[in-house]
Amino acid sequence: MTDTLKVDLRSDTVTRPTPEMREAMANAVVGDDVYGEDPTVNELQDTLARMTGFEAGLFMPSGSMTNQVAIAVHTRRGEEVICAEGSHIYEWELGMMAAFSGVVPRFVPAPLGVPDAEQVRLAVRHSIHQSPTGLISLENTHNKAGGTVIPLEVMAQIRAVADAESLPLHLDGARVFNAAAALNVSIEDVCRPFHTVSICLSKGLGAPVGSVLLGSKDLMTRAHRYRKMLGGGMRQAGVLAAAALIALRDGPARLPDDHRRARQLAEALVNAGYAVNLASVQTNIVYAAVQGAQQKVDIWAGQGVLASALGPDAVRFVLHHQIDDEMLARAIQVLTA
């Protein structure tokens, strides 16, 4: 089966640039972004900062880099980062908080990806006998929990804890536009409680490359140094920012369809006998319990449907804007046969 006929549900990072994105990339006005002279990158940073209510933004190659730069900006070596169990900054970022910033995580329980503000407060450490807390970090949507959404009131409660403890609050918002769509609120509403937010443009929104870290002008000036240390100076990056601007303009309106299709897929899997926690299917991600997950994924791949085996008995499916209703129907036919 040719690549164009495959239904790729491994991740929302697999989308290809649209013709409009390719045209924008070809025509992008560029400069040296390390000097702050790429006008298209500057437009992207300023546009997203205005949308989210921050003073400034900084474009980087990946969400892992924006998260790790945020950790570096907020913390000092030997401190702890409070984060929800299963957080991407720990599970999928290769120990970089320890390797780069010299800090370690302290986990709090997070049923369906939602930590309790009181549990966060109890996790704060100020004693000279323990590693002090340097940062609180949340993830919205929470990938490993199933793309689940933290309600606005919970984020506000945790911001109150951060303020009371004089701590910064960071959001790993790789799919924060999905959270806003699920909550039916503005992106600014979701970002408001945080001192910094990392937003990935190459996941739900469909850009080919890039994430933006958002915060105050002072924090972004400091972040620029850490981006450079990590090799994130991309020079004439306007060719990438041009596509990201298209994704930012067009992507959010498409997200409810991704969520609808994820729910449709989840219910079809349940009806076929697979174990799916439907309470966790809140956005564009579906986790199913599948015995012999990798073998099953390999069989499905041979029939043109791609998914990700995450462990011996778990499979993840992610919906995105290049999966239409016809492709979803074909996937359901294969997966439930």
Protein backbone atom coordinates (compact mmCIF):
# COMPACT_ATOMS: atom_id res chain seq x y z
CA MET A 1 0.00 0.00 0.00
CA THR A 2 1.43 3.41 -0.90
CA ASP A 3 2.12 6.03 1.73
CA THR A 4 -0.70 8.26 0.49
CA LEU A 5 -3.25 5.53 1.24
CA LYS A 6 -2.12 4.93 4.79
CA VAL A 7 -4.15 6.21 7.72
CA ASP A 8 -1.46 7.46 10.09
CA LEU A 9 -2.74 7.67 13.66
CA ARG A 10 0.66 7.44 15.37
CA SER A 11 0.72 11.13 16.30
CA ASP A 12 -0.48 14.55 15.22
CA THR A 13 3.16 15.32 14.43
CA VAL A 14 2.98 13.28 11.21
CA THR A 15 1.02 15.84 9.19
CA ARG A 16 2.59 17.21 6.01
CA PRO A 17 2.71 20.91 5.13
CA THR A 18 -0.36 21.98 3.18
CA PRO A 19 0.04 23.61 -0.26
CA GLU A 20 -0.67 26.97 1.35
CA MET A 21 2.07 26.37 3.91
CA ARG A 22 4.53 25.39 1.20
CA GLU A 23 3.72 28.55 -0.74
CA ALA A 24 4.20 30.67 2.38
CA MET A 25 7.52 28.98 3.07
CA ALA A 26 8.73 29.61 -0.47
CA ASN A 27 7.85 33.29 -0.27
CA ALA A 28 8.91 33.97 3.32
CA VAL A 29 10.91 37.10 4.05
CA VAL A 30 13.84 36.00 6.23
CA GLY A 31 16.77 37.33 8.24
CA ASP A 32 19.10 36.07 10.95
CA ASP A 33 16.88 35.10 13.86
CA VAL A 34 19.78 34.73 16.29
CA TYR A 35 20.22 38.49 15.87
CA GLY A 36 16.46 38.93 16.15
CA GLU A 37 16.31 40.05 12.52
CA ASP A 38 14.01 37.50 10.91
CA PRO A 39 10.77 39.43 10.28
CA THR A 40 8.64 36.32 9.80
CA VAL A 41 9.86 34.76 13.04
CA ASN A 42 9.23 38.05 14.81
CA GLU A 43 5.72 38.16 13.38
CA LEU A 44 5.03 34.64 14.63
CA GLN A 45 6.34 35.40 18.10
CA ASP A 46 4.42 38.66 18.36
CA THR A 47 1.21 37.15 16.98
CA LEU A 48 1.17 34.26 19.43
CA ALA A 49 2.13 36.53 22.33
CA ARG A 50 -0.84 38.77 21.57
CA MET A 51 -3.20 35.80 21.29
CA THR A 52 -2.12 34.37 24.63
CA GLY A 53 -1.75 37.60 26.58
CA PHE A 54 2.03 37.55 27.05
CA GLU A 55 4.61 40.23 26.40
CA ALA A 56 6.91 38.17 24.21
CA GLY A 57 7.62 34.82 22.62
CA LEU A 58 10.67 32.86 21.46
CA PHE A 59 10.55 30.41 18.53
CA MET A 60 12.41 27.12 18.95
CA PRO A 61 12.69 23.84 17.05
CA SER A 62 10.73 21.68 19.50
CA GLY A 63 8.48 21.55 22.53
CA SER A 64 11.12 19.68 24.50
CA MET A 65 13.45 22.63 23.98
CA THR A 66 10.86 25.23 24.99
CA ASN A 67 10.03 23.25 28.14
CA GLN A 68 13.65 22.74 29.10
CA VAL A 69 14.54 26.38 28.45
CA ALA A 70 11.62 27.39 30.68
CA ILE A 71 12.89 25.11 33.45
CA ALA A 72 16.38 26.59 33.10
CA VAL A 73 15.05 30.15 33.25
CA HIS A 74 12.95 29.54 36.36
CA THR A 75 15.18 27.32 38.52
CA ARG A 76 18.57 26.99 40.15
CA ARG A 77 20.64 23.82 40.37
CA GLY A 78 19.63 21.48 43.18
CA GLU A 79 15.98 22.52 43.19
CA GLU A 80 12.86 20.47 42.53
CA VAL A 81 10.17 20.86 39.88
CA ILE A 82 6.68 19.89 41.02
CA CYS A 83 4.86 18.18 38.17
CA ALA A 84 1.93 15.86 37.64
CA GLU A 85 2.70 12.16 37.43
CA GLY A 86 3.24 11.12 33.83
CA SER A 87 4.33 14.60 32.74
CA HIS A 88 6.01 14.91 29.36
CA ILE A 89 8.87 16.96 30.83
CA TYR A 90 9.87 13.84 32.77
CA GLU A 91 8.64 10.89 30.72
CA TRP A 92 9.71 11.98 27.23
CA GLU A 93 12.42 14.61 27.59
CA LEU A 94 15.33 12.27 28.37
CA GLY A 95 16.21 13.50 31.83
CA MET A 96 17.12 16.94 30.54
CA MET A 97 15.86 18.78 33.60
CA ALA A 98 18.63 17.00 35.52
CA ALA A 99 21.26 16.96 32.78
CA PHE A 100 20.86 20.60 31.73
CA SER A 101 19.37 22.48 34.68
CA GLY A 102 20.49 20.26 37.55
CA VAL A 103 16.98 19.91 38.97
CA VAL A 104 14.82 16.90 39.77
CA PRO A 105 11.07 16.25 39.61
CA ARG A 106 8.70 15.83 42.51
CA PHE A 107 5.51 14.19 41.35
CA VAL A 108 1.99 14.77 42.57
CA PRO A 109 -0.96 12.46 41.86
CA ALA A 110 -2.96 13.49 38.81
CA PRO A 111 -6.09 11.42 38.16
CA LEU A 112 -6.93 11.90 34.47
CA GLY A 113 -3.97 14.28 34.30
CA VAL A 114 -5.47 16.77 36.77
CA PRO A 115 -3.48 17.44 39.97
CA ASP A 116 -5.20 18.70 43.07
CA ALA A 117 -4.10 22.14 44.29
CA GLU A 118 -3.78 20.93 47.87
CA GLN A 119 -1.52 18.08 46.77
CA VAL A 120 0.61 20.63 44.95
CA ARG A 121 0.81 22.79 48.08
CA LEU A 122 1.85 19.81 50.19
CA ALA A 123 4.62 18.99 47.70
CA VAL A 124 6.31 22.38 48.11
CA ARG A 125 9.61 22.20 50.01
CA HIS A 126 11.36 25.10 51.75
CA SER A 127 13.35 23.21 54.39
CA ILE A 128 17.16 23.42 54.37
CA HIS A 129 17.12 19.62 54.84
CA GLN A 130 15.46 18.98 51.46
CA SER A 131 15.80 20.16 47.90
CA PRO A 132 13.82 23.39 47.70
CA THR A 133 11.02 23.78 45.21
CA GLY A 134 11.94 26.00 42.28
CA LEU A 135 9.02 25.60 39.90
CA ILE A 136 5.53 24.17 39.47
CA SER A 137 4.79 22.77 36.01
CA LEU A 138 1.46 21.62 34.58
CA GLU A 139 0.61 19.91 31.28
CA ASN A 140 -2.58 20.77 29.39
CA THR A 141 -3.63 18.67 27.60
CA HIS A 142 -1.97 15.80 29.45
CA ASN A 143 -0.58 13.42 26.85
CA LYS A 144 0.00 10.27 28.90
CA ALA A 145 -3.34 10.58 30.67
CA GLY A 146 -5.06 10.46 27.27
CA GLY A 147 -5.14 14.04 26.06
CA THR A 148 -7.10 15.15 29.11
CA VAL A 149 -7.89 18.75 30.01
CA ILE A 150 -7.20 20.65 33.23
CA PRO A 151 -10.23 22.83 34.07
CA LEU A 152 -9.75 26.58 34.36
CA GLU A 153 -10.67 26.61 38.04
CA VAL A 154 -8.01 24.01 38.90
CA MET A 155 -5.32 26.01 37.10
CA ALA A 156 -6.41 29.12 38.95
CA GLN A 157 -6.23 27.27 42.28
CA ILE A 158 -2.71 26.05 41.52
CA ARG A 159 -1.67 29.57 40.50
CA ALA A 160 -2.89 30.72 43.92
CA VAL A 161 -0.63 28.11 45.52
CA ALA A 162 2.29 29.30 43.38
CA ASP A 163 1.68 32.90 44.41
CA ALA A 164 1.39 32.01 48.08
CA GLU A 165 4.68 30.09 47.90
CA SER A 166 6.43 32.72 45.69
CA LEU A 167 7.00 30.14 42.94
CA PRO A 168 6.80 30.43 39.15
CA LEU A 169 4.19 28.39 37.28
CA HIS A 170 4.95 26.91 33.85
CA LEU A 171 2.59 25.24 31.39
CA ASP A 172 3.67 22.54 28.99
CA GLY A 173 0.98 23.53 26.54
CA ALA A 174 2.06 21.37 23.63
CA ARG A 175 -1.63 20.88 22.80
CA VAL A 176 -3.04 23.85 24.71
CA PHE A 177 -5.15 24.88 21.71
CA ASN A 178 -6.86 21.48 22.02
CA ALA A 179 -7.54 22.30 25.67
CA ALA A 180 -9.06 25.65 24.73
CA ALA A 181 -11.26 23.98 22.11
CA ALA A 182 -12.44 21.34 24.58
CA LEU A 183 -13.19 23.96 27.23
CA ASN A 184 -14.78 26.27 24.63
CA VAL A 185 -12.76 29.23 25.87
CA SER A 186 -10.09 31.46 24.36
CA ILE A 187 -6.45 30.46 24.30
CA GLU A 188 -5.73 33.50 26.48
CA ASP A 189 -8.08 32.14 29.14
CA VAL A 190 -6.14 28.88 29.34
CA CYS A 191 -2.73 30.60 29.41
CA ARG A 192 -3.62 33.37 31.88
CA PRO A 193 -2.55 31.62 35.13
CA PHE A 194 1.02 30.95 33.98
CA HIS A 195 4.32 32.80 34.03
CA THR A 196 5.52 30.87 30.97
CA VAL A 197 3.78 28.66 28.44
CA SER A 198 5.26 26.34 25.83
CA ILE A 199 3.06 25.87 22.75
CA CYS A 200 3.84 23.32 20.06
CA LEU A 201 2.81 24.36 16.55
CA SER A 202 3.61 21.01 14.92
CA LYS A 203 1.07 18.91 16.83
CA GLY A 204 -2.64 19.74 16.75
CA LEU A 205 -2.20 22.89 14.69
CA GLY A 206 -0.33 21.07 11.93
CA ALA A 207 2.81 23.16 11.28
CA PRO A 208 5.82 21.18 10.05
CA VAL A 209 8.27 22.36 12.73
CA GLY A 210 8.47 24.45 15.84
CA SER A 211 7.30 25.56 19.26
CA VAL A 212 7.11 28.93 20.96
CA LEU A 213 7.92 29.76 24.57
CA LEU A 214 5.89 32.68 25.91
CA GLY A 215 6.42 34.93 28.90
CA SER A 216 7.63 38.35 29.93
CA LYS A 217 10.18 40.25 27.84
CA ASP A 218 12.76 39.81 30.58
CA LEU A 219 12.24 36.05 30.75
CA MET A 220 12.43 35.71 26.97
CA THR A 221 15.69 37.68 26.91
CA ARG A 222 17.12 35.20 29.38
CA ALA A 223 15.57 32.28 27.49
CA HIS A 224 17.35 33.40 24.33
CA ARG A 225 20.71 32.51 25.93
CA TYR A 226 19.53 29.03 26.93
CA ARG A 227 18.09 28.44 23.45
CA LYS A 228 21.52 29.25 22.04
CA MET A 229 23.20 26.89 24.51
CA LEU A 230 20.96 24.06 23.33
CA GLY A 231 21.71 24.72 19.67
CA GLY A 232 18.36 26.28 18.96
CA GLY A 233 19.60 29.26 16.96
CA MET A 234 18.04 28.48 13.56
CA ARG A 235 19.23 31.58 11.66
CA GLN A 236 16.89 32.12 8.65
CA ALA A 237 14.03 30.35 10.40
CA GLY A 238 11.35 32.45 8.70
CA VAL A 239 10.77 29.64 6.22
CA LEU A 240 9.49 27.59 9.16
CA ALA A 241 7.70 30.45 10.89
CA ALA A 242 5.77 31.18 7.70
CA ALA A 243 4.17 27.74 7.78
CA ALA A 244 3.56 28.07 11.51
CA LEU A 245 1.66 31.31 10.95
CA ILE A 246 -0.68 29.49 8.56
CA ALA A 247 -1.16 26.75 11.15
CA LEU A 248 -1.85 29.32 13.83
CA ARG A 249 -4.41 31.04 11.64
CA ASP A 250 -6.26 27.96 10.36
CA GLY A 251 -5.51 25.19 12.84
CA PRO A 252 -7.61 26.07 15.90
CA ALA A 253 -10.91 25.98 14.03
CA ARG A 254 -10.25 22.40 12.90
CA LEU A 255 -9.59 20.97 16.35
CA PRO A 256 -13.22 20.20 17.30
CA ASP A 257 -13.41 17.85 14.31
CA ASP A 258 -10.32 16.02 15.55
CA HIS A 259 -11.96 15.67 18.96
CA ARG A 260 -15.20 14.41 17.42
CA ARG A 261 -13.35 11.79 15.40
CA ALA A 262 -11.34 10.68 18.43
CA ARG A 263 -14.57 10.07 20.35
CA GLN A 264 -15.99 8.17 17.38
CA LEU A 265 -12.89 5.98 17.21
CA ALA A 266 -12.92 5.35 20.96
CA GLU A 267 -16.54 4.27 20.97
CA ALA A 268 -15.94 1.97 18.00
CA LEU A 269 -13.03 0.34 19.82
CA VAL A 270 -15.14 -0.16 22.94
CA ASN A 271 -17.93 -1.71 20.87
CA ALA A 272 -15.35 -4.08 19.36
CA GLY A 273 -14.29 -5.25 22.83
CA TYR A 274 -11.21 -3.13 23.47
CA ALA A 275 -10.76 -1.49 26.86
CA VAL A 276 -10.81 2.29 26.51
CA ASN A 277 -11.38 4.73 29.36
CA LEU A 278 -13.90 6.96 27.63
CA ALA A 279 -13.60 9.53 30.43
CA SER A 280 -10.06 10.20 29.23
CA VAL A 281 -11.07 10.80 25.61
CA GLN A 282 -11.51 14.54 25.87
CA THR A 283 -9.53 15.80 22.90
CA ASN A 284 -7.68 14.11 20.01
CA ILE A 285 -5.94 11.18 21.74
CA VAL A 286 -7.22 7.65 22.37
CA TYR A 287 -5.45 5.00 24.45
CA ALA A 288 -6.64 1.39 24.22
CA ALA A 289 -5.59 -1.65 26.21
CA VAL A 290 -4.43 -4.20 23.63
CA GLN A 291 -2.70 -7.45 24.53
CA GLY A 292 0.40 -7.99 22.41
CA ALA A 293 0.30 -4.35 21.42
CA GLN A 294 3.33 -4.29 19.12
CA GLN A 295 2.26 -7.42 17.24
CA LYS A 296 -1.22 -5.98 16.78
CA VAL A 297 0.18 -2.65 15.60
CA ASP A 298 2.36 -4.47 13.07
CA ILE A 299 -0.67 -6.34 11.73
CA TRP A 300 -2.67 -3.12 11.39
CA ALA A 301 0.25 -1.43 9.67
CA GLY A 302 0.24 -4.16 7.04
CA GLN A 303 -3.37 -3.18 6.36
CA GLY A 304 -2.55 0.51 6.05
CA VAL A 305 -3.45 1.80 9.53
CA LEU A 306 -0.58 3.10 11.67
CA ALA A 307 -0.72 3.41 15.47
CA SER A 308 1.81 3.55 18.32
CA ALA A 309 2.45 0.69 20.74
CA LEU A 310 3.32 2.30 24.07
CA GLY A 311 4.30 -0.64 26.20
CA PRO A 312 3.33 -4.31 25.95
CA ASP A 313 -0.41 -3.79 26.26
CA ALA A 314 -1.20 -0.18 25.32
CA VAL A 315 -1.81 1.43 21.94
CA ARG A 316 -2.20 5.15 21.27
CA PHE A 317 -4.16 6.69 18.41
CA VAL A 318 -3.98 10.42 17.67
CA LEU A 319 -6.37 12.26 15.38
CA HIS A 320 -5.25 15.23 13.30
CA HIS A 321 -6.46 17.47 10.50
CA GLN A 322 -5.23 15.16 7.73
CA ILE A 323 -7.54 12.37 8.87
CA ASP A 324 -10.99 12.93 7.37
CA ASP A 325 -14.20 10.99 7.98
CA GLU A 326 -13.56 8.57 5.11
CA MET A 327 -10.08 7.73 6.41
CA LEU A 328 -11.43 7.30 9.93
CA ALA A 329 -14.09 4.90 8.66
CA ARG A 330 -11.41 2.85 6.90
CA ALA A 331 -9.31 2.81 10.08
CA ILE A 332 -12.25 1.67 12.21
CA GLN A 333 -12.96 -1.12 9.71
CA VAL A 334 -9.39 -2.40 10.03
CA LEU A 335 -9.05 -1.93 13.78
CA THR A 336 -12.33 -3.62 14.68
CA ALA A 337 -12.25 -6.51 12.19
